[in-house]
Amino acid sequence: MASHEREETGLSRIISEIEETAIALILGLMTIITFINVVLRYGFNTGLIWGLEMVTFLFAWLVLFGMSYAVKVTAHLGVDAVINLFSDGPRRVLAVLAGVICVIYAGLLFKGAWDYWAPFAGLDATSGRFFPTGFENSRDQAWYEVIDIPIPDWLRFIEPIMNEGEAYEKLPRFLPYAMLPFGAALLLLRFVQALIKVVQGRQKSLIVSHEAEDAIDDVKHMNAER
């Protein structure tokens, strides 16, 4: 991963730090909450009522952060048995084509994620079936809450802004759901960066990771050390 780190500068490095830090924190929080719940359940016959829902949200956040980070480090699996039959020229054209398709897919995913999240945040969804053509009014659902997670007191400043001054009993949904458009935006950014690298010749393929070959190389390296 050091080669990727050397290539990063400025904004890209900041985004990488956000991804890596978030992934580490989410994994840590999931482990801590699950461990505490196990101890409380089997040791004291009680538990954190909101624990399962919190871990579920954290796992979803982990997936959304992880999919963009995996594009950055080319860790996604890919089947290239057919692509390898071509010479470097056609192979590069296919890689560019795959990159364009992935960028379009990520753009559609971002639009869908925004349109799903926006009503929960009291914002307007985009118009247009596939590509955004503007914004259109959507039903304000900012008063929607999660099922079990209570809202901490330090977040009650959002009540006059999002809930017309009425108190939230549980965490408003727009907060955990905000990861949907944010994660989709990160994925779109990473696909655009990968496509640029392929076009410039700095990367031969988009997201291919040869997991089996890497495992074999690791075994050979271990045997060589013996």
C-alpha atoms as a PDB file:
ATOM      1  CA  MET A   1       0.000   0.000   0.000  1.00  0.00           C
ATOM      2  CA  ALA A   2       3.011   2.276   0.264  1.00  0.00           C
ATOM      3  CA  SER A   3       3.003   2.895  -3.491  1.00  0.00           C
ATOM      4  CA  HIS A   4      -0.519   4.260  -3.260  1.00  0.00           C
ATOM      5  CA  GLU A   5       0.451   6.496  -0.355  1.00  0.00           C
ATOM      6  CA  ARG A   6       3.366   7.973  -2.313  1.00  0.00           C
ATOM      7  CA  GLU A   7       1.022   8.913  -5.175  1.00  0.00           C
ATOM      8  CA  GLU A   8      -1.420  10.770  -2.928  1.00  0.00           C
ATOM      9  CA  THR A   9      -1.202  14.468  -2.283  1.00  0.00           C
ATOM     10  CA  GLY A  10      -3.459  17.164  -0.913  1.00  0.00           C
ATOM     11  CA  LEU A  11      -7.187  16.444  -0.944  1.00  0.00           C
ATOM     12  CA  SER A  12      -6.734  12.801  -1.929  1.00  0.00           C
ATOM     13  CA  ARG A  13      -4.562  12.163   1.112  1.00  0.00           C
ATOM     14  CA  ILE A  14      -7.076  13.889   3.392  1.00  0.00           C
ATOM     15  CA  ILE A  15      -9.861  11.675   2.026  1.00  0.00           C
ATOM     16  CA  SER A  16      -7.696   8.588   2.537  1.00  0.00           C
ATOM     17  CA  GLU A  17      -7.082   9.602   6.151  1.00  0.00           C
ATOM     18  CA  ILE A  18     -10.829  10.009   6.661  1.00  0.00           C
ATOM     19  CA  GLU A  19     -11.509   6.572   5.176  1.00  0.00           C
ATOM     20  CA  GLU A  20      -8.775   4.776   7.114  1.00  0.00           C
ATOM     21  CA  THR A  21      -9.607   6.489  10.413  1.00  0.00           C
ATOM     22  CA  ALA A  22     -13.342   5.894   9.997  1.00  0.00           C
ATOM     23  CA  ILE A  23     -12.855   2.207   9.177  1.00  0.00           C
ATOM     24  CA  ALA A  24     -10.642   1.721  12.242  1.00  0.00           C
ATOM     25  CA  LEU A  25     -13.051   3.589  14.535  1.00  0.00           C
ATOM     26  CA  ILE A  26     -16.089   1.725  13.221  1.00  0.00           C
ATOM     27  CA  LEU A  27     -14.424  -1.658  13.698  1.00  0.00           C
ATOM     28  CA  GLY A  28     -13.399  -0.647  17.216  1.00  0.00           C
ATOM     29  CA  LEU A  29     -16.876   0.596  18.153  1.00  0.00           C
ATOM     30  CA  MET A  30     -18.535  -2.534  16.756  1.00  0.00           C
ATOM     31  CA  THR A  31     -16.185  -4.718  18.790  1.00  0.00           C
ATOM     32  CA  ILE A  32     -16.663  -2.726  22.004  1.00  0.00           C
ATOM     33  CA  ILE A  33     -20.468  -2.569  21.774  1.00  0.00           C
ATOM     34  CA  THR A  34     -20.755  -6.270  20.922  1.00  0.00           C
ATOM     35  CA  PHE A  35     -18.375  -7.259  23.745  1.00  0.00           C
ATOM     36  CA  ILE A  36     -20.249  -5.142  26.300  1.00  0.00           C
ATOM     37  CA  ASN A  37     -23.577  -6.605  25.199  1.00  0.00           C
ATOM     38  CA  VAL A  38     -22.268 -10.167  25.525  1.00  0.00           C
ATOM     39  CA  VAL A  39     -20.928  -9.494  29.028  1.00  0.00           C
ATOM     40  CA  LEU A  40     -24.172  -7.803  30.120  1.00  0.00           C
ATOM     41  CA  ARG A  41     -26.359 -10.535  28.659  1.00  0.00           C
ATOM     42  CA  TYR A  42     -24.534 -13.579  29.987  1.00  0.00           C
ATOM     43  CA  GLY A  43     -23.148 -12.006  33.157  1.00  0.00           C
ATOM     44  CA  PHE A  44     -25.994  -9.779  34.327  1.00  0.00           C
ATOM     45  CA  ASN A  45     -29.018 -10.949  32.294  1.00  0.00           C
ATOM     46  CA  THR A  46     -29.452  -7.505  30.734  1.00  0.00           C
ATOM     47  CA  GLY A  47     -28.031  -5.636  27.757  1.00  0.00           C
ATOM     48  CA  LEU A  48     -27.886  -2.480  25.695  1.00  0.00           C
ATOM     49  CA  ILE A  49     -31.296  -2.171  24.058  1.00  0.00           C
ATOM     50  CA  TRP A  50     -29.873  -0.007  21.312  1.00  0.00           C
ATOM     51  CA  GLY A  51     -26.733  -2.121  20.820  1.00  0.00           C
ATOM     52  CA  LEU A  52     -27.935  -4.300  17.935  1.00  0.00           C
ATOM     53  CA  GLU A  53     -29.318  -1.377  15.960  1.00  0.00           C
ATOM     54  CA  MET A  54     -26.129   0.628  16.509  1.00  0.00           C
ATOM     55  CA  VAL A  55     -23.932  -2.252  15.349  1.00  0.00           C
ATOM     56  CA  THR A  56     -26.171  -2.680  12.291  1.00  0.00           C
ATOM     57  CA  PHE A  57     -25.733   0.971  11.351  1.00  0.00           C
ATOM     58  CA  LEU A  58     -21.987   0.780  11.981  1.00  0.00           C
ATOM     59  CA  PHE A  59     -21.689  -2.300   9.778  1.00  0.00           C
ATOM     60  CA  ALA A  60     -23.505  -0.477   6.972  1.00  0.00           C
ATOM     61  CA  TRP A  61     -21.139   2.473   7.415  1.00  0.00           C
ATOM     62  CA  LEU A  62     -18.188   0.078   7.289  1.00  0.00           C
ATOM     63  CA  VAL A  63     -19.377  -1.386   3.984  1.00  0.00           C
ATOM     64  CA  LEU A  64     -19.928   2.058   2.456  1.00  0.00           C
ATOM     65  CA  PHE A  65     -16.513   3.311   3.541  1.00  0.00           C
ATOM     66  CA  GLY A  66     -14.875   0.036   2.566  1.00  0.00           C
ATOM     67  CA  MET A  67     -16.176  -0.118  -0.996  1.00  0.00           C
ATOM     68  CA  SER A  68     -14.580   3.230  -1.906  1.00  0.00           C
ATOM     69  CA  TYR A  69     -11.364   2.455  -0.044  1.00  0.00           C
ATOM     70  CA  ALA A  70     -11.109  -0.907  -1.827  1.00  0.00           C
ATOM     71  CA  VAL A  71     -11.300   0.881  -5.189  1.00  0.00           C
ATOM     72  CA  LYS A  72      -8.463   3.146  -4.095  1.00  0.00           C
ATOM     73  CA  VAL A  73      -6.159   0.255  -3.149  1.00  0.00           C
ATOM     74  CA  THR A  74      -7.384  -1.963  -6.049  1.00  0.00           C
ATOM     75  CA  ALA A  75      -8.604  -4.578  -3.574  1.00  0.00           C
ATOM     76  CA  HIS A  76     -11.877  -5.458  -5.301  1.00  0.00           C
ATOM     77  CA  LEU A  77     -11.894  -8.867  -6.944  1.00  0.00           C
ATOM     78  CA  GLY A  78     -12.153  -9.063 -10.718  1.00  0.00           C
ATOM     79  CA  VAL A  79     -12.229 -11.765 -13.385  1.00  0.00           C
ATOM     80  CA  ASP A  80      -9.774 -10.981 -16.173  1.00  0.00           C
ATOM     81  CA  ALA A  81      -9.374 -14.355 -17.894  1.00  0.00           C
ATOM     82  CA  VAL A  82     -10.833 -13.000 -21.146  1.00  0.00           C
ATOM     83  CA  ILE A  83      -9.196  -9.574 -20.901  1.00  0.00           C
ATOM     84  CA  ASN A  84      -5.741 -11.156 -20.599  1.00  0.00           C
ATOM     85  CA  LEU A  85      -6.208 -12.740 -24.024  1.00  0.00           C
ATOM     86  CA  PHE A  86      -5.824  -9.293 -25.614  1.00  0.00           C
ATOM     87  CA  SER A  87      -2.660  -7.285 -26.169  1.00  0.00           C
ATOM     88  CA  ASP A  88      -1.860  -4.159 -24.149  1.00  0.00           C
ATOM     89  CA  GLY A  89      -3.691  -1.782 -26.506  1.00  0.00           C
ATOM     90  CA  PRO A  90      -7.119  -3.459 -26.537  1.00  0.00           C
ATOM     91  CA  ARG A  91      -6.717  -4.326 -22.868  1.00  0.00           C
ATOM     92  CA  ARG A  92      -6.284  -0.652 -22.029  1.00  0.00           C
ATOM     93  CA  VAL A  93      -9.358   0.254 -24.102  1.00  0.00           C
ATOM     94  CA  LEU A  94     -11.394  -2.341 -22.194  1.00  0.00           C
ATOM     95  CA  ALA A  95     -10.069  -0.982 -18.896  1.00  0.00           C
ATOM     96  CA  VAL A  96     -11.131   2.546 -19.881  1.00  0.00           C
ATOM     97  CA  LEU A  97     -14.548   1.251 -20.935  1.00  0.00           C
ATOM     98  CA  ALA A  98     -14.933  -0.543 -17.616  1.00  0.00           C
ATOM     99  CA  GLY A  99     -13.928   2.654 -15.824  1.00  0.00           C
ATOM    100  CA  VAL A 100     -16.545   4.707 -17.675  1.00  0.00           C
ATOM    101  CA  ILE A 101     -19.230   2.137 -16.820  1.00  0.00           C
ATOM    102  CA  CYS A 102     -18.192   2.167 -13.162  1.00  0.00           C
ATOM    103  CA  VAL A 103     -18.276   5.981 -13.048  1.00  0.00           C
ATOM    104  CA  ILE A 104     -21.778   5.988 -14.544  1.00  0.00           C
ATOM    105  CA  TYR A 105     -22.865   3.319 -12.060  1.00  0.00           C
ATOM    106  CA  ALA A 106     -21.441   5.286  -9.128  1.00  0.00           C
ATOM    107  CA  GLY A 107     -23.187   8.432 -10.396  1.00  0.00           C
ATOM    108  CA  LEU A 108     -26.528   6.624 -10.512  1.00  0.00           C
ATOM    109  CA  LEU A 109     -25.870   5.213  -7.046  1.00  0.00           C
ATOM    110  CA  PHE A 110     -25.113   8.694  -5.715  1.00  0.00           C
ATOM    111  CA  LYS A 111     -28.336  10.095  -7.185  1.00  0.00           C
ATOM    112  CA  GLY A 112     -30.358   7.258  -5.676  1.00  0.00           C
ATOM    113  CA  ALA A 113     -28.648   7.629  -2.311  1.00  0.00           C
ATOM    114  CA  TRP A 114     -29.294  11.380  -2.240  1.00  0.00           C
ATOM    115  CA  ASP A 115     -32.932  10.979  -3.271  1.00  0.00           C
ATOM    116  CA  TYR A 116     -33.475   8.400  -0.525  1.00  0.00           C
ATOM    117  CA  TRP A 117     -31.733  10.427   2.197  1.00  0.00           C
ATOM    118  CA  ALA A 118     -32.887  13.946   1.296  1.00  0.00           C
ATOM    119  CA  PRO A 119     -36.484  13.666   2.632  1.00  0.00           C
ATOM    120  CA  PHE A 120     -35.168  12.453   6.008  1.00  0.00           C
ATOM    121  CA  ALA A 121     -33.024  15.605   6.157  1.00  0.00           C
ATOM    122  CA  GLY A 122     -35.845  17.893   5.048  1.00  0.00           C
ATOM    123  CA  LEU A 123     -34.158  18.511   1.692  1.00  0.00           C
ATOM    124  CA  ASP A 124     -35.326  18.236  -1.899  1.00  0.00           C
ATOM    125  CA  ALA A 125     -34.702  15.133  -3.984  1.00  0.00           C
ATOM    126  CA  THR A 126     -33.405  15.419  -7.530  1.00  0.00           C
ATOM    127  CA  SER A 127     -35.674  15.323 -10.549  1.00  0.00           C
ATOM    128  CA  GLY A 128     -35.018  13.075 -13.530  1.00  0.00           C
ATOM    129  CA  ARG A 129     -35.323   9.314 -13.679  1.00  0.00           C
ATOM    130  CA  PHE A 130     -31.673   8.420 -14.214  1.00  0.00           C
ATOM    131  CA  PHE A 131     -29.633  11.627 -14.173  1.00  0.00           C
ATOM    132  CA  PRO A 132     -30.431  14.702 -12.054  1.00  0.00           C
ATOM    133  CA  THR A 133     -32.104  17.493 -14.010  1.00  0.00           C
ATOM    134  CA  GLY A 134     -32.791  19.715 -11.003  1.00  0.00           C
ATOM    135  CA  PHE A 135     -34.544  19.468  -7.670  1.00  0.00           C
ATOM    136  CA  GLU A 136     -38.153  18.787  -6.792  1.00  0.00           C
ATOM    137  CA  ASN A 137     -40.095  19.061  -3.562  1.00  0.00           C
ATOM    138  CA  SER A 138     -40.174  15.899  -1.486  1.00  0.00           C
ATOM    139  CA  ARG A 139     -42.185  15.130   1.629  1.00  0.00           C
ATOM    140  CA  ASP A 140     -40.380  16.336   4.743  1.00  0.00           C
ATOM    141  CA  GLN A 141     -39.536  13.287   6.844  1.00  0.00           C
ATOM    142  CA  ALA A 142     -37.023  14.909   9.193  1.00  0.00           C
ATOM    143  CA  TRP A 143     -39.161  13.894  12.158  1.00  0.00           C
ATOM    144  CA  TYR A 144     -38.532  10.180  11.477  1.00  0.00           C
ATOM    145  CA  GLU A 145     -36.520   8.468  14.210  1.00  0.00           C
ATOM    146  CA  VAL A 146     -34.588   5.232  14.521  1.00  0.00           C
ATOM    147  CA  ILE A 147     -36.091   2.419  16.572  1.00  0.00           C
ATOM    148  CA  ASP A 148     -33.909   2.079  19.681  1.00  0.00           C
ATOM    149  CA  ILE A 149     -30.949   4.483  19.751  1.00  0.00           C
ATOM    150  CA  PRO A 150     -31.696   7.423  22.082  1.00  0.00           C
ATOM    151  CA  ILE A 151     -30.674  10.907  21.035  1.00  0.00           C
ATOM    152  CA  PRO A 152     -27.812  12.301  23.147  1.00  0.00           C
ATOM    153  CA  ASP A 153     -28.441  15.643  24.812  1.00  0.00           C
ATOM    154  CA  TRP A 154     -25.593  17.330  22.943  1.00  0.00           C
ATOM    155  CA  LEU A 155     -27.489  16.776  19.687  1.00  0.00           C
ATOM    156  CA  ARG A 156     -30.701  18.450  20.816  1.00  0.00           C
ATOM    157  CA  PHE A 157     -29.635  21.706  19.182  1.00  0.00           C
ATOM    158  CA  ILE A 158     -30.934  20.244  15.904  1.00  0.00           C
ATOM    159  CA  GLU A 159     -34.521  20.015  17.172  1.00  0.00           C
ATOM    160  CA  PRO A 160     -35.467  23.650  16.355  1.00  0.00           C
ATOM    161  CA  ILE A 161     -33.806  23.268  12.957  1.00  0.00           C
ATOM    162  CA  MET A 162     -35.049  19.859  11.845  1.00  0.00           C
ATOM    163  CA  ASN A 163     -38.121  19.095  13.984  1.00  0.00           C
ATOM    164  CA  GLU A 164     -39.850  22.474  14.422  1.00  0.00           C
ATOM    165  CA  GLY A 165     -38.749  22.647  18.041  1.00  0.00           C
ATOM    166  CA  GLU A 166     -40.315  19.333  19.035  1.00  0.00           C
ATOM    167  CA  ALA A 167     -38.137  16.957  21.028  1.00  0.00           C
ATOM    168  CA  TYR A 168     -36.724  13.790  19.515  1.00  0.00           C
ATOM    169  CA  GLU A 169     -37.103  10.689  21.659  1.00  0.00           C
ATOM    170  CA  LYS A 170     -34.744   8.660  19.500  1.00  0.00           C
ATOM    171  CA  LEU A 171     -31.920   9.541  17.111  1.00  0.00           C
ATOM    172  CA  PRO A 172     -33.310  11.161  13.941  1.00  0.00           C
ATOM    173  CA  ARG A 173     -32.863   8.911  10.933  1.00  0.00           C
ATOM    174  CA  PHE A 174     -31.184  11.511   8.749  1.00  0.00           C
ATOM    175  CA  LEU A 175     -28.009  11.242  10.868  1.00  0.00           C
ATOM    176  CA  PRO A 176     -27.141   7.542  10.367  1.00  0.00           C
ATOM    177  CA  TYR A 177     -28.634   7.599   6.869  1.00  0.00           C
ATOM    178  CA  ALA A 178     -26.315  10.472   5.871  1.00  0.00           C
ATOM    179  CA  MET A 179     -23.652   7.867   5.181  1.00  0.00           C
ATOM    180  CA  LEU A 180     -25.579   6.753   2.085  1.00  0.00           C
ATOM    181  CA  PRO A 181     -24.894   9.828  -0.094  1.00  0.00           C
ATOM    182  CA  PHE A 182     -21.503  10.381   1.545  1.00  0.00           C
ATOM    183  CA  GLY A 183     -20.356   6.827   0.824  1.00  0.00           C
ATOM    184  CA  ALA A 184     -21.729   6.965  -2.728  1.00  0.00           C
ATOM    185  CA  ALA A 185     -19.889  10.258  -3.310  1.00  0.00           C
ATOM    186  CA  LEU A 186     -16.643   8.687  -2.089  1.00  0.00           C
ATOM    187  CA  LEU A 187     -17.161   5.726  -4.420  1.00  0.00           C
ATOM    188  CA  LEU A 188     -17.775   8.064  -7.362  1.00  0.00           C
ATOM    189  CA  LEU A 189     -14.618  10.014  -6.523  1.00  0.00           C
ATOM    190  CA  ARG A 190     -12.507   6.855  -6.300  1.00  0.00           C
ATOM    191  CA  PHE A 191     -13.815   5.517  -9.620  1.00  0.00           C
ATOM    192  CA  VAL A 192     -13.048   8.845 -11.303  1.00  0.00           C
ATOM    193  CA  GLN A 193      -9.516   8.788  -9.851  1.00  0.00           C
ATOM    194  CA  ALA A 194      -8.998   5.179 -10.984  1.00  0.00           C
ATOM    195  CA  LEU A 195     -10.278   5.974 -14.477  1.00  0.00           C
ATOM    196  CA  ILE A 196      -7.880   8.909 -14.769  1.00  0.00           C
ATOM    197  CA  LYS A 197      -4.986   6.670 -13.750  1.00  0.00           C
ATOM    198  CA  VAL A 198      -5.948   4.082 -16.374  1.00  0.00           C
ATOM    199  CA  VAL A 199      -6.210   6.744 -19.089  1.00  0.00           C
ATOM    200  CA  GLN A 200      -2.818   8.169 -18.092  1.00  0.00           C
ATOM    201  CA  GLY A 201      -1.264   4.698 -18.073  1.00  0.00           C
ATOM    202  CA  ARG A 202      -0.412   4.759 -14.359  1.00  0.00           C
ATOM    203  CA  GLN A 203      -2.728   1.828 -13.683  1.00  0.00           C
ATOM    204  CA  LYS A 204      -3.247  -1.139 -16.021  1.00  0.00           C
ATOM    205  CA  SER A 205      -6.604  -2.272 -14.696  1.00  0.00           C
ATOM    206  CA  LEU A 206      -9.379  -0.678 -12.727  1.00  0.00           C
ATOM    207  CA  ILE A 207     -10.085  -2.711  -9.610  1.00  0.00           C
ATOM    208  CA  VAL A 208      -8.717  -6.189 -10.273  1.00  0.00           C
ATOM    209  CA  SER A 209      -7.162  -7.988  -7.321  1.00  0.00           C
ATOM    210  CA  HIS A 210      -5.732 -11.458  -7.824  1.00  0.00           C
ATOM    211  CA  GLU A 211      -6.540 -12.869  -4.398  1.00  0.00           C
ATOM    212  CA  ALA A 212      -5.478 -16.432  -5.162  1.00  0.00           C
ATOM    213  CA  GLU A 213      -2.177 -15.353  -6.718  1.00  0.00           C
ATOM    214  CA  ASP A 214      -1.473 -13.054  -3.770  1.00  0.00           C
ATOM    215  CA  ALA A 215      -2.087 -15.934  -1.363  1.00  0.00           C
ATOM    216  CA  ILE A 216       0.298 -18.181  -3.314  1.00  0.00           C
ATOM    217  CA  ASP A 217       2.956 -15.470  -3.278  1.00  0.00           C
ATOM    218  CA  ASP A 218       2.548 -15.105   0.482  1.00  0.00           C
ATOM    219  CA  VAL A 219       3.031 -18.858   0.957  1.00  0.00           C
ATOM    220  CA  LYS A 220       6.122 -18.829  -1.259  1.00  0.00           C
ATOM    221  CA  HIS A 221       7.536 -15.942   0.729  1.00  0.00           C
ATOM    222  CA  MET A 222       6.925 -17.775   4.022  1.00  0.00           C
ATOM    223  CA  ASN A 223       8.572 -20.939   2.684  1.00  0.00           C
ATOM    224  CA  ALA A 224      11.561 -18.956   1.439  1.00  0.00           C
ATOM    225  CA  GLU A 225      12.108 -17.489   4.904  1.00  0.00           C
ATOM    226  CA  ARG A 226      12.308 -20.982   6.360  1.00  0.00           C
END
